[in-house]
Amino acid sequence: MKLCVLKQNVEKYLILLLLIIAGCVPSISVSFQLGINSYEEEKYRTAIVQFTRALQDDPTNPEIYFYRASAKFHLKDFPGAVDDYSRAISLNHSEYKYYLNRGLVNTTLTNYDDATSDYNRAVEIDSLNPEIFFNRGYVRELLRDYNGAIEDYSKSILRDSTDARFFVNRGNLKSIIEEYEQAIKDYTAAINLIRKMRLLIRTGLVII
């Protein structure tokens, strides 16, 4: 009989513990989720308030800083975005998207050396991501390092040959360096991809 009482007490304790945990976790996740919902609805100021509230409960969560930085970027608070992306990086050095997005902000601020460093680090973490090479290539293009940019655009195409942007940007540079036949091939590839996408949209196979 005593064993049964002990077992019942343990079960009650575990249930109570689970209820306490369940009661604490939503206060964090709900604030974060509300922030994400507002972000997706393009209510960026509201999202920032909700992310800030979430950080009060969970100040070591890099994802919250990441999302708040993205909201700040949309509001053109570029220094604030850089600061939040940097905080996310300080909490997690192995997430490529933190470096990629900080690189995008640094590109916007014309901090090209910092942007390149961010993209280089992102490549070290995820060498298969075409967006990283595409954005690094764009910085190299802005710096008139056309050969370096073409190399990066080519790496993007190697990793994803279905994105017309990669072919257009490489085609533009091929035209600048007077490799016109190669430029025409890239533009043709881009046109074909765009036509294919429009066809898929019209047939309902792709929803945008």
N, C-alpha and C. Protein backbone atom coordinates (compact mmCIF):
# COMPACT_ATOMS: atom_id res chain seq x y z
N MET A 1 0.83 -1.20 0.00
CA MET A 1 0.00 0.00 0.00
C MET A 1 0.87 1.26 0.00
N LYS A 2 1.95 1.23 0.78
CA LYS A 2 2.84 2.37 0.83
C LYS A 2 3.51 2.61 -0.52
N LEU A 3 3.83 1.48 -1.18
CA LEU A 3 4.45 1.61 -2.49
C LEU A 3 3.50 2.28 -3.47
N CYS A 4 2.24 1.93 -3.37
CA CYS A 4 1.24 2.54 -4.26
C CYS A 4 1.13 4.03 -4.00
N VAL A 5 1.15 4.40 -2.72
CA VAL A 5 1.07 5.82 -2.36
C VAL A 5 2.30 6.55 -2.89
N LEU A 6 3.48 5.92 -2.71
CA LEU A 6 4.72 6.53 -3.20
C LEU A 6 4.67 6.71 -4.70
N LYS A 7 4.19 5.67 -5.40
CA LYS A 7 4.10 5.75 -6.85
C LYS A 7 3.15 6.85 -7.28
N GLN A 8 2.03 6.94 -6.59
CA GLN A 8 1.05 7.98 -6.93
C GLN A 8 1.63 9.37 -6.70
N ASN A 9 2.41 9.51 -5.59
CA ASN A 9 3.02 10.81 -5.29
C ASN A 9 4.04 11.20 -6.35
N VAL A 10 4.82 10.20 -6.80
CA VAL A 10 5.81 10.46 -7.86
C VAL A 10 5.11 10.88 -9.14
N GLU A 11 4.03 10.17 -9.48
CA GLU A 11 3.29 10.50 -10.69
C GLU A 11 2.72 11.92 -10.60
N LYS A 12 2.19 12.25 -9.43
CA LYS A 12 1.63 13.60 -9.25
C LYS A 12 2.74 14.65 -9.39
N TYR A 13 3.93 14.32 -8.83
CA TYR A 13 5.06 15.25 -8.93
C TYR A 13 5.49 15.46 -10.37
N LEU A 14 5.56 14.35 -11.11
CA LEU A 14 5.97 14.45 -12.51
C LEU A 14 4.96 15.23 -13.33
N ILE A 15 3.69 14.98 -13.06
CA ILE A 15 2.64 15.72 -13.77
C ILE A 15 2.74 17.20 -13.45
N LEU A 16 2.95 17.51 -12.15
CA LEU A 16 3.09 18.91 -11.74
C LEU A 16 4.30 19.55 -12.39
N LEU A 17 5.41 18.80 -12.45
CA LEU A 17 6.62 19.32 -13.08
C LEU A 17 6.40 19.61 -14.55
N LEU A 18 5.72 18.70 -15.24
CA LEU A 18 5.42 18.90 -16.66
C LEU A 18 4.53 20.11 -16.86
N LEU A 19 3.59 20.29 -15.95
CA LEU A 19 2.69 21.45 -16.04
C LEU A 19 3.46 22.75 -15.84
N ILE A 20 4.43 22.72 -14.91
CA ILE A 20 5.24 23.91 -14.67
C ILE A 20 6.08 24.23 -15.90
N ILE A 21 6.71 23.18 -16.47
CA ILE A 21 7.52 23.37 -17.67
C ILE A 21 6.66 23.87 -18.81
N ALA A 22 5.51 23.24 -18.99
CA ALA A 22 4.60 23.64 -20.07
C ALA A 22 4.11 25.06 -19.88
N GLY A 23 3.98 25.47 -18.59
CA GLY A 23 3.53 26.82 -18.31
C GLY A 23 4.61 27.86 -18.54
N CYS A 24 5.89 27.45 -18.46
CA CYS A 24 6.99 28.40 -18.64
C CYS A 24 7.40 28.55 -20.09
N VAL A 25 7.49 27.44 -20.82
CA VAL A 25 8.00 27.46 -22.19
C VAL A 25 7.16 28.33 -23.11
N PRO A 26 5.80 28.22 -23.09
CA PRO A 26 5.02 29.04 -24.02
C PRO A 26 5.24 30.53 -23.87
N SER A 27 5.58 31.01 -22.63
CA SER A 27 5.79 32.45 -22.46
C SER A 27 6.94 32.94 -23.33
N ILE A 28 7.90 32.03 -23.60
CA ILE A 28 9.01 32.38 -24.49
C ILE A 28 8.62 32.14 -25.94
N SER A 29 8.17 30.94 -26.23
CA SER A 29 7.88 30.57 -27.61
C SER A 29 6.72 31.39 -28.19
N VAL A 30 5.76 31.74 -27.34
CA VAL A 30 4.62 32.52 -27.84
C VAL A 30 5.07 33.90 -28.28
N SER A 31 5.90 34.55 -27.47
CA SER A 31 6.40 35.88 -27.85
C SER A 31 7.19 35.81 -29.15
N PHE A 32 8.01 34.78 -29.24
CA PHE A 32 8.83 34.60 -30.45
C PHE A 32 7.93 34.33 -31.65
N GLN A 33 6.94 33.44 -31.46
CA GLN A 33 6.04 33.11 -32.56
C GLN A 33 5.22 34.31 -32.99
N LEU A 34 4.77 35.11 -32.02
CA LEU A 34 4.02 36.31 -32.36
C LEU A 34 4.89 37.26 -33.19
N GLY A 35 6.17 37.32 -32.82
CA GLY A 35 7.09 38.15 -33.58
C GLY A 35 7.25 37.66 -35.00
N ILE A 36 7.37 36.34 -35.16
CA ILE A 36 7.49 35.77 -36.51
C ILE A 36 6.23 36.04 -37.32
N ASN A 37 5.08 35.89 -36.67
CA ASN A 37 3.81 36.15 -37.36
C ASN A 37 3.74 37.60 -37.84
N SER A 38 4.13 38.52 -36.98
CA SER A 38 4.12 39.94 -37.36
C SER A 38 5.13 40.20 -38.46
N TYR A 39 6.27 39.55 -38.37
CA TYR A 39 7.30 39.71 -39.41
C TYR A 39 6.77 39.25 -40.76
N GLU A 40 6.12 38.10 -40.78
CA GLU A 40 5.60 37.57 -42.03
C GLU A 40 4.47 38.44 -42.59
N GLU A 41 3.79 39.16 -41.70
CA GLU A 41 2.74 40.09 -42.13
C GLU A 41 3.30 41.47 -42.46
N GLU A 42 4.64 41.57 -42.44
CA GLU A 42 5.37 42.82 -42.73
C GLU A 42 5.06 43.92 -41.73
N LYS A 43 4.71 43.53 -40.50
CA LYS A 43 4.51 44.48 -39.41
C LYS A 43 5.80 44.51 -38.60
N TYR A 44 6.81 45.14 -39.17
CA TYR A 44 8.16 45.01 -38.64
C TYR A 44 8.35 45.69 -37.29
N ARG A 45 7.73 46.83 -37.09
CA ARG A 45 7.87 47.51 -35.80
C ARG A 45 7.25 46.67 -34.68
N THR A 46 6.09 46.10 -34.95
CA THR A 46 5.45 45.23 -33.97
C THR A 46 6.30 43.99 -33.72
N ALA A 47 6.87 43.46 -34.79
CA ALA A 47 7.72 42.27 -34.67
C ALA A 47 8.91 42.56 -33.77
N ILE A 48 9.52 43.73 -33.92
CA ILE A 48 10.69 44.08 -33.12
C ILE A 48 10.32 44.13 -31.63
N VAL A 49 9.17 44.71 -31.34
CA VAL A 49 8.70 44.77 -29.94
C VAL A 49 8.53 43.36 -29.39
N GLN A 50 7.95 42.48 -30.17
CA GLN A 50 7.71 41.11 -29.71
C GLN A 50 9.00 40.32 -29.58
N PHE A 51 9.93 40.51 -30.52
CA PHE A 51 11.22 39.84 -30.41
C PHE A 51 11.99 40.33 -29.19
N THR A 52 11.92 41.64 -28.93
CA THR A 52 12.59 42.20 -27.76
C THR A 52 12.01 41.61 -26.48
N ARG A 53 10.69 41.45 -26.44
CA ARG A 53 10.05 40.83 -25.29
C ARG A 53 10.51 39.37 -25.14
N ALA A 54 10.63 38.68 -26.25
CA ALA A 54 11.08 37.28 -26.20
C ALA A 54 12.51 37.19 -25.68
N LEU A 55 13.35 38.17 -26.04
CA LEU A 55 14.74 38.16 -25.60
C LEU A 55 14.87 38.41 -24.10
N GLN A 56 13.90 39.08 -23.52
CA GLN A 56 13.93 39.29 -22.07
C GLN A 56 13.84 37.96 -21.33
N ASP A 57 13.12 37.01 -21.92
CA ASP A 57 12.97 35.70 -21.31
C ASP A 57 14.05 34.72 -21.77
N ASP A 58 14.58 34.95 -22.97
CA ASP A 58 15.55 34.01 -23.55
C ASP A 58 16.65 34.79 -24.25
N PRO A 59 17.53 35.43 -23.49
CA PRO A 59 18.54 36.33 -24.07
C PRO A 59 19.68 35.62 -24.79
N THR A 60 19.74 34.30 -24.73
CA THR A 60 20.83 33.58 -25.39
C THR A 60 20.36 32.82 -26.63
N ASN A 61 19.17 33.17 -27.12
CA ASN A 61 18.64 32.50 -28.31
C ASN A 61 19.05 33.28 -29.56
N PRO A 62 19.97 32.78 -30.35
CA PRO A 62 20.46 33.54 -31.52
C PRO A 62 19.39 33.76 -32.58
N GLU A 63 18.41 32.85 -32.66
CA GLU A 63 17.38 32.99 -33.68
C GLU A 63 16.53 34.23 -33.47
N ILE A 64 16.31 34.59 -32.22
CA ILE A 64 15.52 35.79 -31.94
C ILE A 64 16.26 37.03 -32.42
N TYR A 65 17.56 37.07 -32.14
CA TYR A 65 18.37 38.19 -32.64
C TYR A 65 18.37 38.21 -34.16
N PHE A 66 18.43 37.03 -34.76
CA PHE A 66 18.43 36.93 -36.22
C PHE A 66 17.15 37.54 -36.81
N TYR A 67 16.01 37.17 -36.26
CA TYR A 67 14.75 37.69 -36.78
C TYR A 67 14.60 39.18 -36.48
N ARG A 68 15.02 39.61 -35.31
CA ARG A 68 14.91 41.04 -35.01
C ARG A 68 15.81 41.85 -35.93
N ALA A 69 16.99 41.30 -36.23
CA ALA A 69 17.88 41.98 -37.18
C ALA A 69 17.23 42.12 -38.54
N SER A 70 16.55 41.05 -38.99
CA SER A 70 15.90 41.09 -40.30
C SER A 70 14.78 42.12 -40.33
N ALA A 71 14.05 42.24 -39.21
CA ALA A 71 13.00 43.25 -39.13
C ALA A 71 13.60 44.65 -39.18
N LYS A 72 14.71 44.84 -38.47
CA LYS A 72 15.39 46.14 -38.50
C LYS A 72 15.89 46.47 -39.90
N PHE A 73 16.36 45.46 -40.60
CA PHE A 73 16.84 45.68 -41.97
C PHE A 73 15.71 46.21 -42.85
N HIS A 74 14.52 45.63 -42.73
CA HIS A 74 13.38 46.08 -43.53
C HIS A 74 12.99 47.52 -43.19
N LEU A 75 13.27 47.94 -41.96
CA LEU A 75 12.98 49.32 -41.57
C LEU A 75 14.16 50.26 -41.83
N LYS A 76 15.17 49.72 -42.52
CA LYS A 76 16.36 50.47 -42.89
C LYS A 76 17.18 50.93 -41.68
N ASP A 77 17.04 50.21 -40.58
CA ASP A 77 17.91 50.43 -39.43
C ASP A 77 19.11 49.51 -39.61
N PHE A 78 19.99 49.88 -40.51
CA PHE A 78 21.10 49.01 -40.89
C PHE A 78 22.12 48.81 -39.76
N PRO A 79 22.51 49.85 -39.03
CA PRO A 79 23.42 49.62 -37.90
C PRO A 79 22.81 48.69 -36.86
N GLY A 80 21.51 48.86 -36.59
CA GLY A 80 20.84 47.99 -35.64
C GLY A 80 20.79 46.56 -36.13
N ALA A 81 20.60 46.37 -37.42
CA ALA A 81 20.58 45.03 -38.00
C ALA A 81 21.95 44.37 -37.87
N VAL A 82 23.00 45.12 -38.19
CA VAL A 82 24.36 44.58 -38.06
C VAL A 82 24.63 44.16 -36.62
N ASP A 83 24.20 44.99 -35.68
CA ASP A 83 24.42 44.69 -34.27
C ASP A 83 23.72 43.40 -33.86
N ASP A 84 22.47 43.22 -34.29
CA ASP A 84 21.74 42.01 -33.91
C ASP A 84 22.29 40.77 -34.61
N TYR A 85 22.67 40.90 -35.88
CA TYR A 85 23.29 39.75 -36.55
C TYR A 85 24.60 39.38 -35.85
N SER A 86 25.34 40.38 -35.41
CA SER A 86 26.60 40.12 -34.71
C SER A 86 26.34 39.42 -33.38
N ARG A 87 25.26 39.79 -32.71
CA ARG A 87 24.90 39.11 -31.46
C ARG A 87 24.53 37.66 -31.72
N ALA A 88 23.80 37.43 -32.79
CA ALA A 88 23.45 36.06 -33.16
C ALA A 88 24.71 35.24 -33.42
N ILE A 89 25.65 35.85 -34.12
CA ILE A 89 26.91 35.16 -34.43
C ILE A 89 27.69 34.86 -33.17
N SER A 90 27.69 35.80 -32.22
CA SER A 90 28.43 35.58 -30.97
C SER A 90 27.86 34.41 -30.18
N LEU A 91 26.58 34.12 -30.40
CA LEU A 91 25.93 33.01 -29.70
C LEU A 91 26.02 31.70 -30.47
N ASN A 92 26.21 31.81 -31.77
CA ASN A 92 26.30 30.60 -32.61
C ASN A 92 27.19 30.91 -33.81
N HIS A 93 28.42 30.42 -33.77
CA HIS A 93 29.38 30.73 -34.84
C HIS A 93 29.22 29.83 -36.05
N SER A 94 28.35 28.84 -35.98
CA SER A 94 28.30 27.82 -37.03
C SER A 94 27.06 27.90 -37.91
N GLU A 95 26.33 29.01 -37.87
CA GLU A 95 25.13 29.17 -38.69
C GLU A 95 25.42 30.12 -39.85
N TYR A 96 25.41 29.57 -41.07
CA TYR A 96 25.81 30.37 -42.22
C TYR A 96 24.92 31.57 -42.46
N LYS A 97 23.61 31.43 -42.17
CA LYS A 97 22.67 32.50 -42.54
C LYS A 97 22.92 33.78 -41.75
N TYR A 98 23.51 33.66 -40.56
CA TYR A 98 23.82 34.87 -39.79
C TYR A 98 24.88 35.69 -40.52
N TYR A 99 25.90 35.01 -41.04
CA TYR A 99 26.95 35.68 -41.78
C TYR A 99 26.44 36.19 -43.13
N LEU A 100 25.63 35.37 -43.79
CA LEU A 100 25.08 35.77 -45.08
C LEU A 100 24.27 37.05 -44.96
N ASN A 101 23.38 37.09 -43.98
CA ASN A 101 22.52 38.27 -43.83
C ASN A 101 23.29 39.49 -43.37
N ARG A 102 24.28 39.28 -42.48
CA ARG A 102 25.09 40.43 -42.09
C ARG A 102 25.88 40.94 -43.29
N GLY A 103 26.30 40.01 -44.14
CA GLY A 103 26.98 40.41 -45.36
C GLY A 103 26.09 41.25 -46.26
N LEU A 104 24.81 40.90 -46.34
CA LEU A 104 23.87 41.68 -47.15
C LEU A 104 23.74 43.10 -46.62
N VAL A 105 23.67 43.23 -45.29
CA VAL A 105 23.57 44.57 -44.70
C VAL A 105 24.86 45.36 -44.94
N ASN A 106 25.99 44.70 -44.76
CA ASN A 106 27.26 45.39 -45.01
C ASN A 106 27.40 45.81 -46.47
N THR A 107 26.85 44.99 -47.36
CA THR A 107 26.84 45.37 -48.78
C THR A 107 26.02 46.63 -48.98
N THR A 108 24.86 46.68 -48.34
CA THR A 108 23.99 47.86 -48.43
C THR A 108 24.69 49.10 -47.89
N LEU A 109 25.49 48.90 -46.84
CA LEU A 109 26.22 50.03 -46.23
C LEU A 109 27.52 50.34 -46.97
N THR A 110 27.78 49.63 -48.06
CA THR A 110 29.01 49.73 -48.86
C THR A 110 30.25 49.38 -48.04
N ASN A 111 30.06 48.58 -47.01
CA ASN A 111 31.20 48.05 -46.25
C ASN A 111 31.64 46.75 -46.93
N TYR A 112 32.26 46.90 -48.08
CA TYR A 112 32.50 45.74 -48.93
C TYR A 112 33.52 44.76 -48.34
N ASP A 113 34.51 45.27 -47.63
CA ASP A 113 35.49 44.37 -47.01
C ASP A 113 34.81 43.50 -45.94
N ASP A 114 33.97 44.14 -45.13
CA ASP A 114 33.25 43.39 -44.09
C ASP A 114 32.28 42.40 -44.72
N ALA A 115 31.63 42.83 -45.79
CA ALA A 115 30.69 41.94 -46.47
C ALA A 115 31.41 40.72 -47.02
N THR A 116 32.56 40.96 -47.65
CA THR A 116 33.33 39.85 -48.21
C THR A 116 33.77 38.87 -47.12
N SER A 117 34.18 39.42 -45.98
CA SER A 117 34.58 38.57 -44.86
C SER A 117 33.42 37.71 -44.39
N ASP A 118 32.23 38.32 -44.33
CA ASP A 118 31.04 37.57 -43.92
C ASP A 118 30.73 36.45 -44.90
N TYR A 119 30.79 36.76 -46.19
CA TYR A 119 30.50 35.74 -47.20
C TYR A 119 31.55 34.63 -47.19
N ASN A 120 32.80 35.01 -46.97
CA ASN A 120 33.86 34.00 -46.90
C ASN A 120 33.61 33.03 -45.76
N ARG A 121 33.19 33.57 -44.62
CA ARG A 121 32.91 32.72 -43.47
C ARG A 121 31.69 31.84 -43.75
N ALA A 122 30.69 32.41 -44.41
CA ALA A 122 29.49 31.64 -44.75
C ALA A 122 29.83 30.47 -45.67
N VAL A 123 30.74 30.71 -46.63
CA VAL A 123 31.17 29.66 -47.54
C VAL A 123 31.88 28.55 -46.79
N GLU A 124 32.67 28.91 -45.78
CA GLU A 124 33.36 27.91 -44.98
C GLU A 124 32.37 26.99 -44.28
N ILE A 125 31.24 27.56 -43.89
CA ILE A 125 30.23 26.77 -43.17
C ILE A 125 29.38 25.95 -44.13
N ASP A 126 29.00 26.56 -45.25
CA ASP A 126 28.13 25.88 -46.23
C ASP A 126 28.63 26.18 -47.63
N SER A 127 29.47 25.32 -48.15
CA SER A 127 30.08 25.54 -49.46
C SER A 127 29.18 25.12 -50.61
N LEU A 128 27.98 24.63 -50.30
CA LEU A 128 27.07 24.18 -51.35
C LEU A 128 25.93 25.18 -51.60
N ASN A 129 25.92 26.26 -50.87
CA ASN A 129 24.82 27.22 -50.97
C ASN A 129 25.08 28.22 -52.09
N PRO A 130 24.27 28.23 -53.13
CA PRO A 130 24.52 29.12 -54.28
C PRO A 130 24.33 30.60 -53.95
N GLU A 131 23.45 30.92 -52.97
CA GLU A 131 23.18 32.31 -52.64
C GLU A 131 24.42 33.00 -52.08
N ILE A 132 25.22 32.26 -51.34
CA ILE A 132 26.42 32.86 -50.76
C ILE A 132 27.37 33.31 -51.87
N PHE A 133 27.61 32.42 -52.82
CA PHE A 133 28.51 32.75 -53.93
C PHE A 133 27.93 33.89 -54.78
N PHE A 134 26.62 33.87 -54.97
CA PHE A 134 25.96 34.92 -55.76
C PHE A 134 26.17 36.29 -55.13
N ASN A 135 25.97 36.37 -53.82
CA ASN A 135 26.12 37.66 -53.14
C ASN A 135 27.57 38.09 -53.03
N ARG A 136 28.48 37.13 -52.83
CA ARG A 136 29.89 37.49 -52.84
C ARG A 136 30.31 37.95 -54.23
N GLY A 137 29.78 37.28 -55.25
CA GLY A 137 30.07 37.68 -56.61
C GLY A 137 29.60 39.10 -56.90
N TYR A 138 28.44 39.46 -56.34
CA TYR A 138 27.92 40.81 -56.55
C TYR A 138 28.84 41.86 -55.93
N VAL A 139 29.36 41.57 -54.74
CA VAL A 139 30.31 42.49 -54.12
C VAL A 139 31.56 42.61 -54.98
N ARG A 140 32.05 41.51 -55.49
CA ARG A 140 33.23 41.55 -56.36
C ARG A 140 32.93 42.34 -57.63
N GLU A 141 31.71 42.21 -58.12
CA GLU A 141 31.32 42.99 -59.29
C GLU A 141 31.34 44.48 -58.98
N LEU A 142 30.81 44.87 -57.81
CA LEU A 142 30.82 46.27 -57.41
C LEU A 142 32.23 46.80 -57.27
N LEU A 143 33.16 45.92 -56.89
CA LEU A 143 34.56 46.31 -56.75
C LEU A 143 35.33 46.19 -58.06
N ARG A 144 34.61 45.90 -59.13
CA ARG A 144 35.17 45.75 -60.47
C ARG A 144 36.16 44.58 -60.59
N ASP A 145 36.02 43.63 -59.70
CA ASP A 145 36.78 42.39 -59.82
C ASP A 145 35.93 41.44 -60.65
N TYR A 146 35.88 41.70 -61.95
CA TYR A 146 34.95 40.97 -62.82
C TYR A 146 35.28 39.49 -62.93
N ASN A 147 36.54 39.16 -62.99
CA ASN A 147 36.90 37.75 -63.07
C ASN A 147 36.50 37.00 -61.81
N GLY A 148 36.74 37.65 -60.65
CA GLY A 148 36.33 37.03 -59.39
C GLY A 148 34.83 36.88 -59.30
N ALA A 149 34.11 37.89 -59.79
CA ALA A 149 32.64 37.83 -59.77
C ALA A 149 32.13 36.74 -60.69
N ILE A 150 32.70 36.64 -61.88
CA ILE A 150 32.29 35.59 -62.82
C ILE A 150 32.54 34.21 -62.22
N GLU A 151 33.65 34.09 -61.53
CA GLU A 151 33.96 32.81 -60.88
C GLU A 151 32.89 32.45 -59.84
N ASP A 152 32.48 33.44 -59.06
CA ASP A 152 31.46 33.18 -58.04
C ASP A 152 30.09 32.90 -58.66
N TYR A 153 29.72 33.67 -59.70
CA TYR A 153 28.45 33.41 -60.37
C TYR A 153 28.45 32.01 -60.98
N SER A 154 29.59 31.60 -61.50
CA SER A 154 29.70 30.26 -62.08
C SER A 154 29.52 29.18 -61.01
N LYS A 155 30.05 29.45 -59.81
CA LYS A 155 29.86 28.51 -58.71
C LYS A 155 28.40 28.44 -58.30
N SER A 156 27.71 29.57 -58.36
CA SER A 156 26.27 29.56 -58.07
C SER A 156 25.53 28.69 -59.08
N ILE A 157 25.88 28.87 -60.35
CA ILE A 157 25.22 28.09 -61.42
C ILE A 157 25.52 26.61 -61.27
N LEU A 158 26.75 26.29 -60.89
CA LEU A 158 27.13 24.90 -60.70
C LEU A 158 26.28 24.25 -59.61
N ARG A 159 25.92 25.03 -58.60
CA ARG A 159 25.15 24.50 -57.49
C ARG A 159 23.65 24.58 -57.72
N ASP A 160 23.22 25.49 -58.58
CA ASP A 160 21.80 25.62 -58.90
C ASP A 160 21.67 26.24 -60.30
N SER A 161 21.38 25.41 -61.26
CA SER A 161 21.30 25.88 -62.66
C SER A 161 19.88 26.27 -63.05
N THR A 162 19.01 26.47 -62.06
CA THR A 162 17.61 26.82 -62.35
C THR A 162 17.28 28.26 -61.99
N ASP A 163 18.26 29.01 -61.55
CA ASP A 163 18.02 30.40 -61.12
C ASP A 163 18.51 31.35 -62.21
N ALA A 164 17.59 32.07 -62.82
CA ALA A 164 17.93 32.95 -63.94
C ALA A 164 18.87 34.07 -63.52
N ARG A 165 18.79 34.51 -62.27
CA ARG A 165 19.62 35.64 -61.81
C ARG A 165 21.10 35.35 -62.00
N PHE A 166 21.49 34.11 -61.74
CA PHE A 166 22.90 33.76 -61.83
C PHE A 166 23.41 33.92 -63.25
N PHE A 167 22.58 33.50 -64.22
CA PHE A 167 22.98 33.61 -65.62
C PHE A 167 22.96 35.06 -66.09
N VAL A 168 21.97 35.82 -65.64
CA VAL A 168 21.89 37.23 -66.05
C VAL A 168 23.13 37.99 -65.56
N ASN A 169 23.47 37.84 -64.29
CA ASN A 169 24.61 38.57 -63.75
C ASN A 169 25.92 38.15 -64.41
N ARG A 170 26.07 36.86 -64.65
CA ARG A 170 27.30 36.43 -65.32
C ARG A 170 27.31 36.92 -66.76
N GLY A 171 26.14 36.90 -67.41
CA GLY A 171 26.05 37.41 -68.77
C GLY A 171 26.41 38.88 -68.86
N ASN A 172 25.96 39.66 -67.88
CA ASN A 172 26.30 41.09 -67.86
C ASN A 172 27.81 41.30 -67.84
N LEU A 173 28.50 40.52 -67.02
CA LEU A 173 29.94 40.68 -66.90
C LEU A 173 30.66 40.14 -68.13
N LYS A 174 30.15 39.06 -68.69
CA LYS A 174 30.74 38.54 -69.92
C LYS A 174 30.65 39.60 -71.03
N SER A 175 29.54 40.34 -71.01
CA SER A 175 29.39 41.41 -72.00
C SER A 175 30.38 42.55 -71.75
N ILE A 176 30.58 42.88 -70.48
CA ILE A 176 31.51 43.96 -70.13
C ILE A 176 32.92 43.63 -70.57
N ILE A 177 33.33 42.38 -70.39
CA ILE A 177 34.70 42.00 -70.77
C ILE A 177 34.76 41.54 -72.23
N GLU A 178 33.66 41.80 -72.95
CA GLU A 178 33.59 41.58 -74.40
C GLU A 178 33.65 40.11 -74.81
N GLU A 179 33.17 39.25 -73.94
CA GLU A 179 32.99 37.84 -74.32
C GLU A 179 31.52 37.67 -74.72
N TYR A 180 31.21 38.22 -75.88
CA TYR A 180 29.82 38.37 -76.27
C TYR A 180 29.11 37.05 -76.53
N GLU A 181 29.78 36.09 -77.10
CA GLU A 181 29.14 34.80 -77.36
C GLU A 181 28.75 34.12 -76.05
N GLN A 182 29.64 34.19 -75.07
CA GLN A 182 29.34 33.61 -73.77
C GLN A 182 28.20 34.37 -73.09
N ALA A 183 28.20 35.68 -73.28
CA ALA A 183 27.13 36.49 -72.70
C ALA A 183 25.78 36.10 -73.29
N ILE A 184 25.75 35.92 -74.61
CA ILE A 184 24.51 35.54 -75.28
C ILE A 184 24.01 34.18 -74.77
N LYS A 185 24.93 33.25 -74.55
CA LYS A 185 24.55 31.94 -74.02
C LYS A 185 23.93 32.07 -72.63
N ASP A 186 24.51 32.93 -71.81
CA ASP A 186 23.96 33.12 -70.47
C ASP A 186 22.59 33.78 -70.52
N TYR A 187 22.44 34.81 -71.36
CA TYR A 187 21.14 35.48 -71.48
C TYR A 187 20.09 34.51 -72.02
N THR A 188 20.48 33.69 -72.98
CA THR A 188 19.55 32.71 -73.55
C THR A 188 19.11 31.71 -72.49
N ALA A 189 20.05 31.26 -71.68
CA ALA A 189 19.71 30.33 -70.59
C ALA A 189 18.75 30.99 -69.61
N ALA A 190 18.99 32.27 -69.29
CA ALA A 190 18.11 32.98 -68.37
C ALA A 190 16.71 33.13 -68.95
N ILE A 191 16.62 33.48 -70.24
CA ILE A 191 15.31 33.64 -70.90
C ILE A 191 14.54 32.33 -70.88
N ASN A 192 15.22 31.24 -71.16
CA ASN A 192 14.56 29.93 -71.16
C ASN A 192 14.05 29.56 -69.77
N LEU A 193 14.83 29.89 -68.75
CA LEU A 193 14.41 29.60 -67.38
C LEU A 193 13.19 30.44 -66.99
N ILE A 194 13.20 31.70 -67.40
CA ILE A 194 12.07 32.59 -67.08
C ILE A 194 10.82 32.11 -67.80
N ARG A 195 10.96 31.73 -69.06
CA ARG A 195 9.81 31.21 -69.81
C ARG A 195 9.26 29.96 -69.16
N LYS A 196 10.15 29.08 -68.74
CA LYS A 196 9.73 27.84 -68.09
C LYS A 196 8.98 28.14 -66.80
N MET A 197 9.49 29.09 -66.03
CA MET A 197 8.83 29.45 -64.78
C MET A 197 7.45 30.04 -65.03
N ARG A 198 7.34 30.91 -66.03
CA ARG A 198 6.03 31.50 -66.35
C ARG A 198 5.03 30.43 -66.77
N LEU A 199 5.52 29.45 -67.54
CA LEU A 199 4.65 28.36 -67.96
C LEU A 199 4.17 27.55 -66.76
N LEU A 200 5.06 27.29 -65.85
CA LEU A 200 4.71 26.53 -64.65
C LEU A 200 3.70 27.30 -63.81
N ILE A 201 3.86 28.61 -63.75
CA ILE A 201 2.93 29.46 -62.97
C ILE A 201 1.55 29.42 -63.64
N ARG A 202 1.54 29.57 -64.96
CA ARG A 202 0.25 29.57 -65.67
C ARG A 202 -0.49 28.25 -65.53
N THR A 203 0.25 27.15 -65.49
CA THR A 203 -0.39 25.85 -65.39
C THR A 203 -0.69 25.48 -63.95
N GLY A 204 -0.31 26.34 -63.03
CA GLY A 204 -0.61 26.08 -61.63
C GLY A 204 0.36 25.12 -60.95
N LEU A 205 1.43 24.77 -61.63
CA LEU A 205 2.39 23.85 -61.03
C LEU A 205 3.32 24.55 -60.05
N VAL A 206 3.40 25.88 -60.20
CA VAL A 206 4.17 26.69 -59.25
C VAL A 206 3.28 27.81 -58.76
N ILE A 207 3.25 27.99 -57.46
CA ILE A 207 2.44 29.04 -56.85
C ILE A 207 3.39 30.07 -56.24
N ILE A 208 3.17 31.34 -56.57
CA ILE A 208 4.01 32.39 -56.01
C ILE A 208 3.17 33.31 -55.13
